[in-house]
Protein backbone atom coordinates (compact mmCIF):
# COMPACT_ATOMS: atom_id res chain seq x y z
CA UNK A 1 -25.66 14.77 9.79
CA UNK A 2 -25.44 11.07 8.79
CA UNK A 3 -21.54 11.01 8.47
CA UNK A 4 -20.78 12.16 11.97
CA UNK A 5 -23.76 10.21 13.06
CA UNK A 6 -22.55 7.01 11.04
CA UNK A 7 -18.47 8.15 12.50
CA UNK A 8 -20.00 7.90 16.18
CA UNK A 9 -21.43 4.76 15.75
CA UNK A 10 -18.52 3.79 14.86
CA UNK A 11 -15.89 4.58 16.72
CA UNK A 12 -18.02 3.80 19.74
CA UNK A 13 -17.90 -0.06 17.67
CA UNK A 14 -14.38 -0.25 17.37
CA UNK A 15 -14.18 1.02 20.65
CA UNK A 16 -16.80 -1.05 22.55
CA UNK A 17 -14.46 -4.06 20.03
CA UNK A 18 -11.13 -2.42 21.34
CA UNK A 19 -12.19 -3.41 24.80
CA UNK A 20 -13.74 -6.43 24.96
CA UNK A 21 -10.66 -8.18 23.15
CA UNK A 22 -8.64 -6.58 25.30
CA UNK A 23 -10.67 -8.11 28.44
CA UNK A 24 -10.30 -11.72 27.02
CA UNK A 25 -6.36 -11.62 26.37
CA UNK A 26 -4.62 -9.46 28.87
CA UNK A 27 -5.02 -11.59 31.57
CA UNK A 28 -3.66 -10.41 34.72
CA UNK A 29 -2.53 -6.86 33.14
CA UNK A 30 -3.95 -4.22 33.51
CA UNK A 31 -4.09 -2.07 30.54
CA UNK A 32 -5.64 1.17 30.41
CA UNK A 33 -9.21 -0.40 29.04
CA UNK A 34 -9.53 -1.71 31.93
CA UNK A 35 -8.79 0.48 34.01
CA UNK A 36 -10.85 2.99 33.00
CA UNK A 37 -13.70 0.37 33.00
CA UNK A 38 -13.19 -0.59 36.40
CA UNK A 39 -12.56 3.16 37.54
CA UNK A 40 -15.20 4.04 36.61
CA UNK A 41 -17.63 2.06 38.44
CA UNK A 42 -16.43 4.58 41.26
CA UNK A 43 -16.33 7.77 39.43
CA UNK A 44 -14.47 8.76 36.12
CA UNK A 45 -10.85 9.66 37.31
CA UNK A 46 -8.85 13.34 36.33
CA UNK A 47 -6.59 10.69 34.27
CA UNK A 48 -9.08 10.25 31.66
CA UNK A 49 -10.61 13.75 31.94
CA UNK A 50 -6.68 14.52 31.62
CA UNK A 51 -5.98 12.16 28.77
CA UNK A 52 -9.25 13.00 27.59
CA UNK A 53 -9.15 16.36 26.43
CA UNK A 54 -5.53 16.27 25.17
CA UNK A 55 -7.47 13.97 22.39
CA UNK A 56 -10.42 16.26 22.67
CA UNK A 57 -7.99 19.25 21.78
CA UNK A 58 -5.76 18.04 19.33
CA UNK A 59 -7.66 17.07 16.73
CA UNK A 60 -9.01 20.24 16.65
CA UNK A 61 -6.25 22.02 16.72
CA UNK A 62 -5.15 19.62 13.57
CA UNK A 63 -8.43 20.63 12.46
CA UNK A 64 -8.28 24.30 12.11
CA UNK A 65 -5.21 23.96 11.03
CA UNK A 66 -6.05 22.12 7.99
CA UNK A 67 -8.98 24.11 7.17
CA UNK A 68 -6.74 27.90 7.67
CA UNK A 69 -4.17 25.77 5.31
CA UNK A 70 -7.30 25.16 2.73
CA UNK A 71 -8.46 28.62 3.00
CA UNK A 72 -5.19 30.16 2.21
CA UNK A 73 -4.46 27.59 -0.59
CA UNK A 74 -7.29 28.90 -2.50
CA UNK A 75 -6.58 32.34 -1.56
CA UNK A 76 -3.15 31.91 -3.28
CA UNK A 77 -5.24 30.35 -6.12
CA UNK A 78 -7.59 32.80 -6.95
CA UNK A 79 -5.54 35.52 -6.70
CA UNK A 80 -3.67 34.10 -10.25
């Protein structure tokens, strides 16, 4: 649990830092972090929900695949 809390705090800090740097350096260009920030005042846009869902499902699938491969490898090694 401490690792999960630490990872959550680190990811928040890095995301916040990315937004601050983007906000100061982008000028008149509308980047994705700025788009999300301005859209959050009006409500979360559907594009943000879709992108977050894709990233979440992709990460979940990656973890599941790695775990299945690890379990299969352990089973093969334990038979020998």
